[in-house]
């Protein structure tokens, strides 16, 4: 399932980086922390790989 907004895509990217050990989990907050705790690495990859073009900044 692709991300529905740019903010959601960025949060997934941050959570994915933490899952992979590239950044610290303690650096995450808000949606990124929740995504880290509830989603698999594969799900995060799908969200993070969404193209920015045509996406709103925030989801309605």
N, C-alpha and C. Protein backbone atom coordinates (compact mmCIF):
# COMPACT_ATOMS: atom_id res chain seq x y z
N UNK A 1 0.85 -1.17 0.00
CA UNK A 1 0.00 0.00 0.00
C UNK A 1 0.90 1.24 0.00
N UNK A 2 0.74 2.12 -0.96
CA UNK A 2 1.59 3.31 -1.01
C UNK A 2 1.15 4.37 0.00
N UNK A 3 2.07 5.25 0.34
CA UNK A 3 1.76 6.35 1.25
C UNK A 3 0.76 7.29 0.60
N UNK A 4 -0.07 7.94 1.41
CA UNK A 4 -1.09 8.84 0.91
C UNK A 4 -0.69 10.30 1.02
N UNK A 5 0.46 10.60 1.62
CA UNK A 5 0.93 11.98 1.74
C UNK A 5 2.45 11.99 1.85
N UNK A 6 3.02 13.16 1.61
CA UNK A 6 4.47 13.30 1.74
C UNK A 6 4.91 13.09 3.18
N UNK A 7 4.12 13.58 4.12
CA UNK A 7 4.46 13.43 5.54
C UNK A 7 4.48 11.95 5.93
N UNK A 8 3.52 11.19 5.45
CA UNK A 8 3.45 9.76 5.74
C UNK A 8 4.65 9.04 5.12
N UNK A 9 5.04 9.44 3.93
CA UNK A 9 6.18 8.82 3.26
C UNK A 9 7.47 9.09 4.03
N UNK A 10 7.64 10.33 4.50
CA UNK A 10 8.85 10.68 5.25
C UNK A 10 8.89 9.95 6.60
N UNK A 11 7.75 9.84 7.27
CA UNK A 11 7.70 9.12 8.55
C UNK A 11 8.06 7.66 8.35
N UNK A 12 7.58 7.07 7.28
CA UNK A 12 7.91 5.66 6.99
C UNK A 12 9.41 5.51 6.72
N UNK A 13 10.00 6.47 6.03
CA UNK A 13 11.43 6.42 5.77
C UNK A 13 12.25 6.50 7.04
N UNK A 14 11.82 7.37 7.96
CA UNK A 14 12.53 7.49 9.24
C UNK A 14 12.40 6.20 10.05
N UNK A 15 11.19 5.62 10.08
CA UNK A 15 10.96 4.38 10.82
C UNK A 15 11.77 3.23 10.20
N UNK A 16 11.83 3.20 8.88
CA UNK A 16 12.59 2.16 8.19
C UNK A 16 14.08 2.27 8.52
N UNK A 17 14.61 3.47 8.54
CA UNK A 17 16.02 3.67 8.88
C UNK A 17 16.31 3.16 10.29
N UNK A 18 15.39 3.40 11.22
CA UNK A 18 15.57 2.92 12.59
C UNK A 18 15.48 1.40 12.65
N UNK A 19 14.55 0.80 11.90
CA UNK A 19 14.41 -0.67 11.88
C UNK A 19 15.70 -1.31 11.37
N UNK A 20 16.32 -0.67 10.42
CA UNK A 20 17.55 -1.21 9.83
C UNK A 20 18.78 -0.90 10.66
N UNK A 21 18.63 -0.11 11.73
CA UNK A 21 19.75 0.21 12.59
C UNK A 21 20.58 1.38 12.12
N UNK A 22 20.10 2.10 11.10
CA UNK A 22 20.85 3.24 10.56
C UNK A 22 20.71 4.48 11.45
N UNK A 23 19.60 4.56 12.18
CA UNK A 23 19.39 5.64 13.15
C UNK A 23 18.86 5.02 14.43
N UNK A 24 18.81 5.82 15.48
CA UNK A 24 18.35 5.33 16.77
C UNK A 24 16.84 5.41 16.90
N UNK A 25 16.25 4.41 17.52
CA UNK A 25 14.79 4.42 17.77
C UNK A 25 14.41 5.62 18.63
N UNK A 26 15.30 6.04 19.51
CA UNK A 26 15.00 7.17 20.40
C UNK A 26 14.89 8.50 19.64
N UNK A 27 15.37 8.54 18.39
CA UNK A 27 15.25 9.74 17.56
C UNK A 27 13.86 9.87 16.95
N UNK A 28 13.07 8.80 16.99
CA UNK A 28 11.74 8.81 16.38
C UNK A 28 10.71 9.39 17.33
N UNK A 29 9.71 10.05 16.75
CA UNK A 29 8.58 10.56 17.54
C UNK A 29 7.35 10.58 16.65
N UNK A 30 6.19 10.68 17.26
CA UNK A 30 4.94 10.79 16.52
C UNK A 30 4.66 9.58 15.65
N UNK A 31 4.26 9.87 14.41
CA UNK A 31 3.86 8.82 13.48
C UNK A 31 5.01 7.86 13.18
N UNK A 32 6.23 8.37 13.09
CA UNK A 32 7.37 7.51 12.79
C UNK A 32 7.57 6.48 13.89
N UNK A 33 7.42 6.88 15.14
CA UNK A 33 7.57 5.93 16.27
C UNK A 33 6.47 4.88 16.23
N UNK A 34 5.25 5.31 15.94
CA UNK A 34 4.14 4.36 15.87
C UNK A 34 4.34 3.38 14.72
N UNK A 35 4.79 3.87 13.58
CA UNK A 35 5.05 2.99 12.43
C UNK A 35 6.15 1.99 12.77
N UNK A 36 7.19 2.44 13.46
CA UNK A 36 8.29 1.57 13.86
C UNK A 36 7.77 0.41 14.71
N UNK A 37 6.87 0.73 15.64
CA UNK A 37 6.36 -0.26 16.57
C UNK A 37 5.34 -1.23 15.96
N UNK A 38 4.62 -0.80 14.92
CA UNK A 38 3.49 -1.60 14.44
C UNK A 38 3.66 -2.19 13.05
N UNK A 39 4.66 -1.77 12.28
CA UNK A 39 4.78 -2.23 10.90
C UNK A 39 6.04 -3.06 10.70
N UNK A 40 5.98 -3.94 9.73
CA UNK A 40 7.15 -4.75 9.38
C UNK A 40 8.07 -3.93 8.47
N UNK A 41 9.29 -4.41 8.31
CA UNK A 41 10.24 -3.73 7.44
C UNK A 41 9.72 -3.68 6.00
N UNK A 42 9.08 -4.76 5.55
CA UNK A 42 8.55 -4.80 4.19
C UNK A 42 7.44 -3.76 3.99
N UNK A 43 6.56 -3.61 4.98
CA UNK A 43 5.50 -2.60 4.89
C UNK A 43 6.09 -1.19 4.86
N UNK A 44 7.09 -0.97 5.68
CA UNK A 44 7.74 0.34 5.71
C UNK A 44 8.43 0.64 4.39
N UNK A 45 9.05 -0.38 3.79
CA UNK A 45 9.69 -0.19 2.49
C UNK A 45 8.68 0.25 1.44
N UNK A 46 7.49 -0.36 1.47
CA UNK A 46 6.44 -0.03 0.51
C UNK A 46 6.01 1.43 0.67
N UNK A 47 5.80 1.86 1.91
CA UNK A 47 5.40 3.25 2.16
C UNK A 47 6.52 4.21 1.80
N UNK A 48 7.73 3.90 2.19
CA UNK A 48 8.86 4.81 1.97
C UNK A 48 9.21 4.94 0.49
N UNK A 49 8.92 3.93 -0.30
CA UNK A 49 9.26 3.94 -1.72
C UNK A 49 8.26 4.71 -2.58
N UNK A 50 7.17 5.18 -1.99
CA UNK A 50 6.16 5.92 -2.73
C UNK A 50 6.74 7.19 -3.33
N UNK A 51 6.43 7.44 -4.59
CA UNK A 51 6.90 8.64 -5.28
C UNK A 51 6.20 9.88 -4.71
N UNK A 52 6.95 10.94 -4.48
CA UNK A 52 6.42 12.19 -3.93
C UNK A 52 5.47 12.93 -4.88
N UNK A 53 5.71 12.81 -6.16
CA UNK A 53 4.97 13.60 -7.14
C UNK A 53 3.47 13.38 -7.04
N UNK A 54 2.74 14.48 -6.91
CA UNK A 54 1.29 14.43 -6.86
C UNK A 54 0.71 14.15 -5.49
N UNK A 55 1.53 13.92 -4.48
CA UNK A 55 1.03 13.67 -3.14
C UNK A 55 0.81 14.98 -2.40
N UNK A 56 -0.25 15.07 -1.60
CA UNK A 56 -0.41 16.26 -0.76
C UNK A 56 0.62 16.24 0.38
N UNK A 57 0.87 17.41 0.97
CA UNK A 57 1.82 17.47 2.09
C UNK A 57 1.31 16.65 3.26
N UNK A 58 0.03 16.80 3.59
CA UNK A 58 -0.58 16.03 4.67
C UNK A 58 -1.87 15.39 4.18
N UNK A 59 -2.19 14.26 4.76
CA UNK A 59 -3.39 13.51 4.43
C UNK A 59 -4.61 14.20 5.05
N UNK A 60 -5.71 14.27 4.30
CA UNK A 60 -6.95 14.89 4.84
C UNK A 60 -7.57 14.04 5.91
